[in-house]
């Protein structure tokens, strides 16, 4: 190796040393950022698990409420049908009584003392 090659090799080594100092200085920053991001990831995963549990709970609650709503709708329809049938019977009975009383002669009425 001649003098020129030796000087060039030395300059390259000095540049590598200077560059590596910058790289080594960045390593703690990178490690700190890695730790910070890891903590955020862990917190995000915990929050996601908590939200997933909440979503599942809400889905179960929604299913129960939808079932209750359907049951109440069926009950309302059944009640409306029963009321309709009952009112129809009462009205038919009233109509029959009115017709029967209209067909009776006036003699069946209470006497008037005026």
PDB file of N, CA and C in Angstrom:
ATOM      1  N   UNK A   1       0.857  -1.157   0.000  1.00  0.00           N
ATOM      2  CA  UNK A   1       0.000   0.000   0.000  1.00  0.00           C
ATOM      3  C   UNK A   1       0.912   1.231   0.000  1.00  0.00           C
ATOM      4  N   UNK A   2       0.676   2.097  -0.931  1.00  0.00           N
ATOM      5  CA  UNK A   2       1.510   3.297  -0.990  1.00  0.00           C
ATOM      6  C   UNK A   2       0.911   4.409  -0.136  1.00  0.00           C
ATOM      7  N   UNK A   3       1.581   5.503  -0.074  1.00  0.00           N
ATOM      8  CA  UNK A   3       1.190   6.632   0.769  1.00  0.00           C
ATOM      9  C   UNK A   3      -0.192   7.185   0.400  1.00  0.00           C
ATOM     10  N   UNK A   4      -0.461   7.306  -0.852  1.00  0.00           N
ATOM     11  CA  UNK A   4      -1.741   7.853  -1.321  1.00  0.00           C
ATOM     12  C   UNK A   4      -2.894   6.950  -0.913  1.00  0.00           C
ATOM     13  N   UNK A   5      -2.738   5.681  -1.109  1.00  0.00           N
ATOM     14  CA  UNK A   5      -3.789   4.726  -0.724  1.00  0.00           C
ATOM     15  C   UNK A   5      -3.993   4.723   0.792  1.00  0.00           C
ATOM     16  N   UNK A   6      -2.879   4.833   1.516  1.00  0.00           N
ATOM     17  CA  UNK A   6      -2.967   4.848   2.968  1.00  0.00           C
ATOM     18  C   UNK A   6      -3.732   6.083   3.442  1.00  0.00           C
ATOM     19  N   UNK A   7      -3.434   7.265   2.870  1.00  0.00           N
ATOM     20  CA  UNK A   7      -4.132   8.494   3.249  1.00  0.00           C
ATOM     21  C   UNK A   7      -5.630   8.400   2.913  1.00  0.00           C
ATOM     22  N   UNK A   8      -5.964   7.855   1.755  1.00  0.00           N
ATOM     23  CA  UNK A   8      -7.378   7.705   1.373  1.00  0.00           C
ATOM     24  C   UNK A   8      -8.102   6.744   2.332  1.00  0.00           C
ATOM     25  N   UNK A   9      -7.464   5.672   2.697  1.00  0.00           N
ATOM     26  CA  UNK A   9      -8.062   4.718   3.633  1.00  0.00           C
ATOM     27  C   UNK A   9      -8.259   5.377   4.995  1.00  0.00           C
ATOM     28  N   UNK A  10      -7.244   6.143   5.400  1.00  0.00           N
ATOM     29  CA  UNK A  10      -7.353   6.836   6.682  1.00  0.00           C
ATOM     30  C   UNK A  10      -8.505   7.844   6.668  1.00  0.00           C
ATOM     31  N   UNK A  11      -8.656   8.589   5.570  1.00  0.00           N
ATOM     32  CA  UNK A  11      -9.752   9.565   5.454  1.00  0.00           C
ATOM     33  C   UNK A  11     -11.121   8.864   5.496  1.00  0.00           C
ATOM     34  N   UNK A  12     -11.198   7.732   4.810  1.00  0.00           N
ATOM     35  CA  UNK A  12     -12.466   6.976   4.839  1.00  0.00           C
ATOM     36  C   UNK A  12     -12.773   6.492   6.246  1.00  0.00           C
ATOM     37  N   UNK A  13     -11.767   6.007   6.937  1.00  0.00           N
ATOM     38  CA  UNK A  13     -11.967   5.526   8.305  1.00  0.00           C
ATOM     39  C   UNK A  13     -12.389   6.679   9.199  1.00  0.00           C
ATOM     40  N   UNK A  14     -11.790   7.830   9.041  1.00  0.00           N
ATOM     41  CA  UNK A  14     -12.166   9.006   9.842  1.00  0.00           C
ATOM     42  C   UNK A  14     -13.611   9.415   9.540  1.00  0.00           C
ATOM     43  N   UNK A  15     -13.996   9.373   8.276  1.00  0.00           N
ATOM     44  CA  UNK A  15     -15.391   9.689   7.920  1.00  0.00           C
ATOM     45  C   UNK A  15     -16.347   8.666   8.531  1.00  0.00           C
ATOM     46  N   UNK A  16     -15.987   7.399   8.504  1.00  0.00           N
ATOM     47  CA  UNK A  16     -16.836   6.370   9.103  1.00  0.00           C
ATOM     48  C   UNK A  16     -16.978   6.600  10.607  1.00  0.00           C
ATOM     49  N   UNK A  17     -15.860   6.966  11.243  1.00  0.00           N
ATOM     50  CA  UNK A  17     -15.907   7.228  12.683  1.00  0.00           C
ATOM     51  C   UNK A  17     -16.813   8.421  12.961  1.00  0.00           C
ATOM     52  N   UNK A  18     -16.654   9.499  12.168  1.00  0.00           N
ATOM     53  CA  UNK A  18     -17.512  10.682  12.345  1.00  0.00           C
ATOM     54  C   UNK A  18     -18.977  10.330  12.093  1.00  0.00           C
ATOM     55  N   UNK A  19     -19.231   9.580  11.014  1.00  0.00           N
ATOM     56  CA  UNK A  19     -20.611   9.187  10.699  1.00  0.00           C
ATOM     57  C   UNK A  19     -21.176   8.257  11.763  1.00  0.00           C
ATOM     58  N   UNK A  20     -20.356   7.347  12.254  1.00  0.00           N
ATOM     59  CA  UNK A  20     -20.853   6.395  13.248  1.00  0.00           C
ATOM     60  C   UNK A  20     -21.167   7.094  14.557  1.00  0.00           C
ATOM     61  N   UNK A  21     -20.490   8.186  14.863  1.00  0.00           N
ATOM     62  CA  UNK A  21     -20.818   8.944  16.076  1.00  0.00           C
ATOM     63  C   UNK A  21     -22.243   9.471  15.976  1.00  0.00           C
ATOM     64  N   UNK A  22     -22.615   9.950  14.808  1.00  0.00           N
ATOM     65  CA  UNK A  22     -23.992  10.407  14.603  1.00  0.00           C
ATOM     66  C   UNK A  22     -24.978   9.263  14.708  1.00  0.00           C
ATOM     67  N   UNK A  23     -24.605   8.127  14.174  1.00  0.00           N
ATOM     68  CA  UNK A  23     -25.485   6.951  14.247  1.00  0.00           C
ATOM     69  C   UNK A  23     -25.628   6.499  15.697  1.00  0.00           C
ATOM     70  N   UNK A  24     -24.513   6.433  16.416  1.00  0.00           N
ATOM     71  CA  UNK A  24     -24.564   6.013  17.813  1.00  0.00           C
ATOM     72  C   UNK A  24     -25.346   7.014  18.662  1.00  0.00           C
ATOM     73  N   UNK A  25     -25.258   8.294  18.330  1.00  0.00           N
ATOM     74  CA  UNK A  25     -26.018   9.308  19.066  1.00  0.00           C
ATOM     75  C   UNK A  25     -27.517   9.136  18.809  1.00  0.00           C
ATOM     76  N   UNK A  26     -27.898   8.640  17.634  1.00  0.00           N
ATOM     77  CA  UNK A  26     -29.310   8.466  17.289  1.00  0.00           C
ATOM     78  C   UNK A  26     -29.900   7.211  17.928  1.00  0.00           C
ATOM     79  N   UNK A  27     -29.080   6.260  18.313  1.00  0.00           N
ATOM     80  CA  UNK A  27     -29.580   4.996  18.854  1.00  0.00           C
ATOM     81  C   UNK A  27     -30.418   5.210  20.117  1.00  0.00           C
ATOM     82  N   UNK A  28     -29.982   5.989  21.124  1.00  0.00           N
ATOM     83  CA  UNK A  28     -30.851   6.194  22.298  1.00  0.00           C
ATOM     84  C   UNK A  28     -32.182   6.857  21.932  1.00  0.00           C
ATOM     85  N   UNK A  29     -32.139   7.790  21.006  1.00  0.00           N
ATOM     86  CA  UNK A  29     -33.377   8.450  20.568  1.00  0.00           C
ATOM     87  C   UNK A  29     -34.303   7.430  19.916  1.00  0.00           C
ATOM     88  N   UNK A  30     -33.758   6.584  19.082  1.00  0.00           N
ATOM     89  CA  UNK A  30     -34.552   5.555  18.405  1.00  0.00           C
ATOM     90  C   UNK A  30     -35.113   4.566  19.420  1.00  0.00           C
ATOM     91  N   UNK A  31     -34.298   4.157  20.390  1.00  0.00           N
ATOM     92  CA  UNK A  31     -34.766   3.226  21.418  1.00  0.00           C
ATOM     93  C   UNK A  31     -35.860   3.861  22.282  1.00  0.00           C
ATOM     94  N   UNK A  32     -35.683   5.139  22.626  1.00  0.00           N
ATOM     95  CA  UNK A  32     -36.713   5.842  23.404  1.00  0.00           C
ATOM     96  C   UNK A  32     -38.011   5.924  22.594  1.00  0.00           C
ATOM     97  N   UNK A  33     -37.899   6.258  21.322  1.00  0.00           N
ATOM     98  CA  UNK A  33     -39.092   6.341  20.457  1.00  0.00           C
ATOM     99  C   UNK A  33     -39.752   4.965  20.336  1.00  0.00           C
ATOM    100  N   UNK A  34     -38.948   3.917  20.231  1.00  0.00           N
ATOM    101  CA  UNK A  34     -39.477   2.555  20.174  1.00  0.00           C
ATOM    102  C   UNK A  34     -40.266   2.224  21.439  1.00  0.00           C
ATOM    103  N   UNK A  35     -39.690   2.563  22.607  1.00  0.00           N
ATOM    104  CA  UNK A  35     -40.383   2.303  23.876  1.00  0.00           C
ATOM    105  C   UNK A  35     -41.695   3.094  23.957  1.00  0.00           C
ATOM    106  N   UNK A  36     -41.647   4.365  23.552  1.00  0.00           N
ATOM    107  CA  UNK A  36     -42.850   5.201  23.574  1.00  0.00           C
ATOM    108  C   UNK A  36     -43.923   4.634  22.650  1.00  0.00           C
ATOM    109  N   UNK A  37     -43.523   4.217  21.453  1.00  0.00           N
ATOM    110  CA  UNK A  37     -44.489   3.636  20.510  1.00  0.00           C
ATOM    111  C   UNK A  37     -45.026   2.305  21.014  1.00  0.00           C
ATOM    112  N   UNK A  38     -44.200   1.525  21.679  1.00  0.00           N
ATOM    113  CA  UNK A  38     -44.627   0.239  22.238  1.00  0.00           C
ATOM    114  C   UNK A  38     -45.693   0.477  23.327  1.00  0.00           C
ATOM    115  N   UNK A  39     -45.453   1.487  24.179  1.00  0.00           N
ATOM    116  CA  UNK A  39     -46.431   1.813  25.215  1.00  0.00           C
ATOM    117  C   UNK A  39     -47.748   2.271  24.595  1.00  0.00           C
ATOM    118  N   UNK A  40     -47.662   3.093  23.551  1.00  0.00           N
ATOM    119  CA  UNK A  40     -48.888   3.541  22.872  1.00  0.00           C
ATOM    120  C   UNK A  40     -49.616   2.365  22.239  1.00  0.00           C
ATOM    121  N   UNK A  41     -48.852   1.446  21.646  1.00  0.00           N
ATOM    122  CA  UNK A  41     -49.466   0.260  21.048  1.00  0.00           C
ATOM    123  C   UNK A  41     -50.174  -0.570  22.113  1.00  0.00           C
ATOM    124  N   UNK A  42     -49.508  -0.776  23.248  1.00  0.00           N
ATOM    125  CA  UNK A  42     -50.123  -1.548  24.333  1.00  0.00           C
ATOM    126  C   UNK A  42     -51.401  -0.872  24.826  1.00  0.00           C
ATOM    127  N   UNK A  43     -51.335   0.445  25.017  1.00  0.00           N
ATOM    128  CA  UNK A  43     -52.517   1.185  25.481  1.00  0.00           C
ATOM    129  C   UNK A  43     -53.633   1.105  24.444  1.00  0.00           C
ATOM    130  N   UNK A  44     -53.271   1.198  23.178  1.00  0.00           N
ATOM    131  CA  UNK A  44     -54.273   1.117  22.103  1.00  0.00           C
ATOM    132  C   UNK A  44     -54.896  -0.272  22.043  1.00  0.00           C
ATOM    133  N   UNK A  45     -54.076  -1.293  22.225  1.00  0.00           N
ATOM    134  CA  UNK A  45     -54.608  -2.661  22.229  1.00  0.00           C
ATOM    135  C   UNK A  45     -55.547  -2.878  23.415  1.00  0.00           C
ATOM    136  N   UNK A  46     -55.201  -2.335  24.593  1.00  0.00           N
ATOM    137  CA  UNK A  46     -56.092  -2.454  25.749  1.00  0.00           C
ATOM    138  C   UNK A  46     -57.409  -1.719  25.493  1.00  0.00           C
ATOM    139  N   UNK A  47     -57.304  -0.521  24.910  1.00  0.00           N
ATOM    140  CA  UNK A  47     -58.515   0.250  24.604  1.00  0.00           C
ATOM    141  C   UNK A  47     -59.360  -0.478  23.566  1.00  0.00           C
ATOM    142  N   UNK A  48     -58.718  -1.066  22.573  1.00  0.00           N
ATOM    143  CA  UNK A  48     -59.455  -1.803  21.542  1.00  0.00           C
ATOM    144  C   UNK A  48     -60.153  -3.016  22.150  1.00  0.00           C
ATOM    145  N   UNK A  49     -59.477  -3.717  23.049  1.00  0.00           N
ATOM    146  CA  UNK A  49     -60.098  -4.881  23.704  1.00  0.00           C
ATOM    147  C   UNK A  49     -61.280  -4.440  24.554  1.00  0.00           C
ATOM    148  N   UNK A  50     -61.119  -3.305  25.271  1.00  0.00           N
ATOM    149  CA  UNK A  50     -62.205  -2.782  26.090  1.00  0.00           C
ATOM    150  C   UNK A  50     -63.388  -2.369  25.210  1.00  0.00           C
ATOM    151  N   UNK A  51     -63.100  -1.712  24.089  1.00  0.00           N
ATOM    152  CA  UNK A  51     -64.170  -1.299  23.178  1.00  0.00           C
ATOM    153  C   UNK A  51     -64.851  -2.501  22.536  1.00  0.00           C
ATOM    154  N   UNK A  52     -64.080  -3.519  22.199  1.00  0.00           N
ATOM    155  CA  UNK A  52     -64.661  -4.730  21.625  1.00  0.00           C
ATOM    156  C   UNK A  52     -65.604  -5.389  22.630  1.00  0.00           C
ATOM    157  N   UNK A  53     -65.185  -5.426  23.895  1.00  0.00           N
ATOM    158  CA  UNK A  53     -66.045  -5.986  24.940  1.00  0.00           C
ATOM    159  C   UNK A  53     -67.320  -5.163  25.058  1.00  0.00           C
ATOM    160  N   UNK A  54     -67.171  -3.845  25.005  1.00  0.00           N
ATOM    161  CA  UNK A  54     -68.346  -2.966  25.100  1.00  0.00           C
ATOM    162  C   UNK A  54     -69.278  -3.172  23.904  1.00  0.00           C
ATOM    163  N   UNK A  55     -68.700  -3.308  22.714  1.00  0.00           N
ATOM    164  CA  UNK A  55     -69.513  -3.556  21.518  1.00  0.00           C
ATOM    165  C   UNK A  55     -70.264  -4.875  21.661  1.00  0.00           C
ATOM    166  N   UNK A  56     -69.583  -5.899  22.131  1.00  0.00           N
ATOM    167  CA  UNK A  56     -70.238  -7.200  22.312  1.00  0.00           C
ATOM    168  C   UNK A  56     -71.352  -7.112  23.353  1.00  0.00           C
ATOM    169  N   UNK A  57     -71.094  -6.389  24.450  1.00  0.00           N
ATOM    170  CA  UNK A  57     -72.139  -6.205  25.466  1.00  0.00           C
ATOM    171  C   UNK A  57     -73.334  -5.462  24.873  1.00  0.00           C
ATOM    172  N   UNK A  58     -73.054  -4.420  24.107  1.00  0.00           N
ATOM    173  CA  UNK A  58     -74.138  -3.642  23.496  1.00  0.00           C
ATOM    174  C   UNK A  58     -74.912  -4.467  22.469  1.00  0.00           C
ATOM    175  N   UNK A  59     -74.213  -5.327  21.746  1.00  0.00           N
ATOM    176  CA  UNK A  59     -74.908  -6.202  20.786  1.00  0.00           C
ATOM    177  C   UNK A  59     -75.856  -7.144  21.520  1.00  0.00           C
ATOM    178  N   UNK A  60     -75.381  -7.710  22.640  1.00  0.00           N
ATOM    179  CA  UNK A  60     -76.252  -8.591  23.422  1.00  0.00           C
ATOM    180  C   UNK A  60     -77.450  -7.814  23.960  1.00  0.00           C
ATOM    181  N   UNK A  61     -77.201  -6.607  24.439  1.00  0.00           N
ATOM    182  CA  UNK A  61     -78.291  -5.779  24.952  1.00  0.00           C
ATOM    183  C   UNK A  61     -79.268  -5.423  23.828  1.00  0.00           C
ATOM    184  N   UNK A  62     -78.732  -5.105  22.647  1.00  0.00           N
ATOM    185  CA  UNK A  62     -79.592  -4.796  21.507  1.00  0.00           C
ATOM    186  C   UNK A  62     -80.442  -6.004  21.121  1.00  0.00           C
ATOM    187  N   UNK A  63     -79.836  -7.182  21.105  1.00  0.00           N
ATOM    188  CA  UNK A  63     -80.599  -8.397  20.797  1.00  0.00           C
ATOM    189  C   UNK A  63     -81.731  -8.595  21.802  1.00  0.00           C
ATOM    190  N   UNK A  64     -81.425  -8.391  23.085  1.00  0.00           N
ATOM    191  CA  UNK A  64     -82.453  -8.555  24.123  1.00  0.00           C
ATOM    192  C   UNK A  64     -83.561  -7.517  23.936  1.00  0.00           C
ATOM    193  N   UNK A  65     -83.177  -6.271  23.635  1.00  0.00           N
ATOM    194  CA  UNK A  65     -84.176  -5.225  23.444  1.00  0.00           C
ATOM    195  C   UNK A  65     -85.023  -5.468  22.195  1.00  0.00           C
ATOM    196  N   UNK A  66     -84.395  -5.976  21.144  1.00  0.00           N
ATOM    197  CA  UNK A  66     -85.162  -6.287  19.934  1.00  0.00           C
ATOM    198  C   UNK A  66     -86.148  -7.418  20.203  1.00  0.00           C
ATOM    199  N   UNK A  67     -85.728  -8.413  20.974  1.00  0.00           N
ATOM    200  CA  UNK A  67     -86.638  -9.498  21.331  1.00  0.00           C
ATOM    201  C   UNK A  67     -87.798  -8.966  22.162  1.00  0.00           C
ATOM    202  N   UNK A  68     -87.474  -8.113  23.128  1.00  0.00           N
ATOM    203  CA  UNK A  68     -88.520  -7.514  23.964  1.00  0.00           C
ATOM    204  C   UNK A  68     -89.463  -6.673  23.116  1.00  0.00           C
ATOM    205  N   UNK A  69     -88.913  -5.922  22.178  1.00  0.00           N
ATOM    206  CA  UNK A  69     -89.729  -5.087  21.296  1.00  0.00           C
ATOM    207  C   UNK A  69     -90.680  -5.947  20.453  1.00  0.00           C
ATOM    208  N   UNK A  70     -90.185  -7.037  19.921  1.00  0.00           N
ATOM    209  CA  UNK A  70     -91.036  -7.940  19.132  1.00  0.00           C
ATOM    210  C   UNK A  70     -92.139  -8.539  19.994  1.00  0.00           C
ATOM    211  N   UNK A  71     -91.777  -8.925  21.227  1.00  0.00           N
ATOM    212  CA  UNK A  71     -92.779  -9.479  22.131  1.00  0.00           C
ATOM    213  C   UNK A  71     -93.861  -8.439  22.437  1.00  0.00           C
ATOM    214  N   UNK A  72     -93.441  -7.213  22.683  1.00  0.00           N
ATOM    215  CA  UNK A  72     -94.408  -6.149  22.974  1.00  0.00           C
ATOM    216  C   UNK A  72     -95.295  -5.854  21.764  1.00  0.00           C
ATOM    217  N   UNK A  73     -94.720  -5.913  20.584  1.00  0.00           N
ATOM    218  CA  UNK A  73     -95.530  -5.703  19.366  1.00  0.00           C
ATOM    219  C   UNK A  73     -96.578  -6.807  19.226  1.00  0.00           C
ATOM    220  N   UNK A  74     -96.162  -8.050  19.459  1.00  0.00           N
ATOM    221  CA  UNK A  74     -97.119  -9.159  19.392  1.00  0.00           C
ATOM    222  C   UNK A  74     -98.213  -8.975  20.437  1.00  0.00           C
ATOM    223  N   UNK A  75     -97.811  -8.577  21.656  1.00  0.00           N
ATOM    224  CA  UNK A  75     -98.802  -8.340  22.705  1.00  0.00           C
ATOM    225  C   UNK A  75     -99.767  -7.227  22.309  1.00  0.00           C
ATOM    226  N   UNK A  76     -99.247  -6.176  21.693  1.00  0.00           N
ATOM    227  CA  UNK A  76    -100.100  -5.054  21.286  1.00  0.00           C
ATOM    228  C   UNK A  76    -101.100  -5.496  20.224  1.00  0.00           C
ATOM    229  N   UNK A  77    -100.646  -6.289  19.258  1.00  0.00           N
ATOM    230  CA  UNK A  77    -101.553  -6.789  18.219  1.00  0.00           C
ATOM    231  C   UNK A  77    -102.614  -7.687  18.842  1.00  0.00           C
ATOM    232  N   UNK A  78    -102.192  -8.562  19.743  1.00  0.00           N
ATOM    233  CA  UNK A  78    -103.143  -9.462  20.405  1.00  0.00           C
ATOM    234  C   UNK A  78    -104.160  -8.662  21.228  1.00  0.00           C
ATOM    235  N   UNK A  79    -103.686  -7.648  21.959  1.00  0.00           N
ATOM    236  CA  UNK A  79    -104.585  -6.811  22.756  1.00  0.00           C
ATOM    237  C   UNK A  79    -105.571  -6.076  21.856  1.00  0.00           C
ATOM    238  N   UNK A  80    -105.079  -5.536  20.743  1.00  0.00           N
ATOM    239  CA  UNK A  80    -105.966  -4.827  19.814  1.00  0.00           C
ATOM    240  C   UNK A  80    -107.026  -5.770  19.257  1.00  0.00           C
ATOM    241  N   UNK A  81    -106.639  -6.995  18.940  1.00  0.00           N
ATOM    242  CA  UNK A  81    -107.614  -7.963  18.427  1.00  0.00           C
ATOM    243  C   UNK A  81    -108.649  -8.307  19.501  1.00  0.00           C
ATOM    244  N   UNK A  82    -108.195  -8.505  20.738  1.00  0.00           N
ATOM    245  CA  UNK A  82    -109.131  -8.815  21.824  1.00  0.00           C
ATOM    246  C   UNK A  82    -110.089  -7.655  22.070  1.00  0.00           C
ATOM    247  N   UNK A  83    -109.566  -6.432  22.076  1.00  0.00           N
ATOM    248  CA  UNK A  83    -110.424  -5.267  22.265  1.00  0.00           C
ATOM    249  C   UNK A  83    -111.427  -5.124  21.120  1.00  0.00           C
ATOM    250  N   UNK A  84    -110.949  -5.355  19.908  1.00  0.00           N
ATOM    251  CA  UNK A  84    -111.841  -5.260  18.747  1.00  0.00           C
ATOM    252  C   UNK A  84    -112.951  -6.288  18.851  1.00  0.00           C
ATOM    253  N   UNK A  85    -112.598  -7.534  19.195  1.00  0.00           N
ATOM    254  CA  UNK A  85    -113.611  -8.579  19.341  1.00  0.00           C
ATOM    255  C   UNK A  85    -114.594  -8.221  20.456  1.00  0.00           C
ATOM    256  N   UNK A  86    -114.078  -7.756  21.598  1.00  0.00           N
ATOM    257  CA  UNK A  86    -114.943  -7.403  22.713  1.00  0.00           C
ATOM    258  C   UNK A  86    -115.867  -6.247  22.373  1.00  0.00           C
ATOM    259  N   UNK A  87    -115.330  -5.219  21.742  1.00  0.00           N
ATOM    260  CA  UNK A  87    -116.166  -4.075  21.356  1.00  0.00           C
ATOM    261  C   UNK A  87    -117.212  -4.473  20.320  1.00  0.00           C
ATOM    262  N   UNK A  88    -116.839  -5.334  19.392  1.00  0.00           N
ATOM    263  CA  UNK A  88    -117.815  -5.807  18.396  1.00  0.00           C
ATOM    264  C   UNK A  88    -118.961  -6.554  19.079  1.00  0.00           C
ATOM    265  N   UNK A  89    -118.619  -7.381  20.075  1.00  0.00           N
ATOM    266  CA  UNK A  89    -119.670  -8.108  20.790  1.00  0.00           C
ATOM    267  C   UNK A  89    -120.584  -7.143  21.553  1.00  0.00           C
ATOM    268  N   UNK A  90    -119.990  -6.170  22.220  1.00  0.00           N
ATOM    269  CA  UNK A  90    -120.785  -5.197  22.977  1.00  0.00           C
ATOM    270  C   UNK A  90    -121.682  -4.417  22.031  1.00  0.00           C
ATOM    271  N   UNK A  91    -121.135  -3.975  20.898  1.00  0.00           N
ATOM    272  CA  UNK A  91    -121.937  -3.212  19.935  1.00  0.00           C
ATOM    273  C   UNK A  91    -123.049  -4.079  19.329  1.00  0.00           C
ATOM    274  N   UNK A  92    -122.731  -5.309  18.994  1.00  0.00           N
ATOM    275  CA  UNK A  92    -123.758  -6.200  18.446  1.00  0.00           C
ATOM    276  C   UNK A  92    -124.861  -6.444  19.474  1.00  0.00           C
ATOM    277  N   UNK A  93    -124.468  -6.647  20.731  1.00  0.00           N
ATOM    278  CA  UNK A  93    -125.464  -6.847  21.789  1.00  0.00           C
ATOM    279  C   UNK A  93    -126.324  -5.591  21.959  1.00  0.00           C
ATOM    280  N   UNK A  94    -125.701  -4.417  21.914  1.00  0.00           N
ATOM    281  CA  UNK A  94    -126.447  -3.165  22.054  1.00  0.00           C
ATOM    282  C   UNK A  94    -127.410  -2.974  20.886  1.00  0.00           C
ATOM    283  N   UNK A  95    -126.959  -3.290  19.692  1.00  0.00           N
ATOM    284  CA  UNK A  95    -127.820  -3.163  18.507  1.00  0.00           C
ATOM    285  C   UNK A  95    -129.015  -4.115  18.617  1.00  0.00           C
ATOM    286  N   UNK A  96    -128.758  -5.358  19.042  1.00  0.00           N
ATOM    287  CA  UNK A  96    -129.849  -6.316  19.202  1.00  0.00           C
ATOM    288  C   UNK A  96    -130.856  -5.825  20.237  1.00  0.00           C
ATOM    289  N   UNK A  97    -130.399  -5.252  21.349  1.00  0.00           N
ATOM    290  CA  UNK A  97    -131.303  -4.742  22.374  1.00  0.00           C
ATOM    291  C   UNK A  97    -132.103  -3.548  21.857  1.00  0.00           C
ATOM    292  N   UNK A  98    -131.408  -2.680  21.114  1.00  0.00           N
ATOM    293  CA  UNK A  98    -132.118  -1.527  20.556  1.00  0.00           C
ATOM    294  C   UNK A  98    -133.193  -1.976  19.566  1.00  0.00           C
ATOM    295  N   UNK A  99    -132.857  -2.924  18.738  1.00  0.00           N
ATOM    296  CA  UNK A  99    -133.840  -3.437  17.779  1.00  0.00           C
ATOM    297  C   UNK A  99    -135.012  -4.100  18.500  1.00  0.00           C
ATOM    298  N   UNK A 100    -134.672  -4.855  19.524  1.00  0.00           N
ATOM    299  CA  UNK A 100    -135.726  -5.550  20.281  1.00  0.00           C
ATOM    300  C   UNK A 100    -136.634  -4.551  20.972  1.00  0.00           C
ATOM    301  N   UNK A 101    -136.082  -3.508  21.541  1.00  0.00           N
ATOM    302  CA  UNK A 101    -136.922  -2.524  22.225  1.00  0.00           C
ATOM    303  C   UNK A 101    -137.720  -1.699  21.228  1.00  0.00           C
ATOM    304  N   UNK A 102    -137.199  -1.497  20.051  1.00  0.00           N
ATOM    305  CA  UNK A 102    -137.938  -0.748  19.027  1.00  0.00           C
ATOM    306  C   UNK A 102    -139.091  -1.592  18.491  1.00  0.00           C
ATOM    307  N   UNK A 103    -138.958  -2.897  18.515  1.00  0.00           N
ATOM    308  CA  UNK A 103    -140.003  -3.774  18.004  1.00  0.00           C
ATOM    309  C   UNK A 103    -141.111  -3.985  19.018  1.00  0.00           C
ATOM    310  N   UNK A 104    -140.923  -3.713  20.278  1.00  0.00           N
ATOM    311  CA  UNK A 104    -141.957  -3.892  21.297  1.00  0.00           C
ATOM    312  C   UNK A 104    -143.062  -2.830  21.135  1.00  0.00           C
ATOM    313  N   UNK A 105    -144.252  -3.227  21.461  1.00  0.00           N
ATOM    314  CA  UNK A 105    -145.341  -2.229  21.424  1.00  0.00           C
ATOM    315  C   UNK A 105    -145.186  -1.236  22.556  1.00  0.00           C
ATOM    316  N   UNK A 106    -145.859  -0.128  22.445  1.00  0.00           N
ATOM    317  CA  UNK A 106    -145.791   0.944  23.439  1.00  0.00           C
ATOM    318  C   UNK A 106    -146.330   0.507  24.789  1.00  0.00           C
ATOM    319  N   UNK A 107    -147.051  -0.569  24.844  1.00  0.00           N
ATOM    320  CA  UNK A 107    -147.661  -1.009  26.081  1.00  0.00           C
ATOM    321  C   UNK A 107    -146.597  -1.466  27.074  1.00  0.00           C
ATOM    322  N   UNK A 108    -145.491  -1.902  26.591  1.00  0.00           N
ATOM    323  CA  UNK A 108    -144.450  -2.409  27.472  1.00  0.00           C
ATOM    324  C   UNK A 108    -143.698  -1.272  28.159  1.00  0.00           C
ATOM    325  N   UNK A 109    -143.985  -0.070  27.727  1.00  0.00           N
ATOM    326  CA  UNK A 109    -143.248   1.042  28.312  1.00  0.00           C
ATOM    327  C   UNK A 109    -143.859   1.398  29.656  1.00  0.00           C
ATOM    328  N   UNK A 110    -143.063   2.074  30.457  1.00  0.00           N
ATOM    329  CA  UNK A 110    -143.523   2.524  31.777  1.00  0.00           C
ATOM    330  C   UNK A 110    -144.639   3.542  31.572  1.00  0.00           C
ATOM    331  N   UNK A 111    -145.630   3.497  32.399  1.00  0.00           N
ATOM    332  CA  UNK A 111    -146.725   4.461  32.258  1.00  0.00           C
ATOM    333  C   UNK A 111    -146.241   5.871  32.627  1.00  0.00           C
ATOM    334  N   UNK A 112    -146.810   6.834  31.974  1.00  0.00           N
ATOM    335  CA  UNK A 112    -146.456   8.218  32.238  1.00  0.00           C
ATOM    336  C   UNK A 112    -147.556   8.835  33.088  1.00  0.00           C
ATOM    337  N   UNK A 113    -147.262   9.508  34.181  1.00  0.00           N
ATOM    338  CA  UNK A 113    -148.229  10.100  35.084  1.00  0.00           C
ATOM    339  C   UNK A 113    -148.221  11.606  34.967  1.00  0.00           C
ATOM    340  N   UNK A 114    -148.256  12.099  33.823  1.00  0.00           N
ATOM    341  CA  UNK A 114    -148.274  13.545  33.689  1.00  0.00           C
ATOM    342  C   UNK A 114    -149.631  14.080  33.362  1.00  0.00           C
TER     343      UNK A 114
END
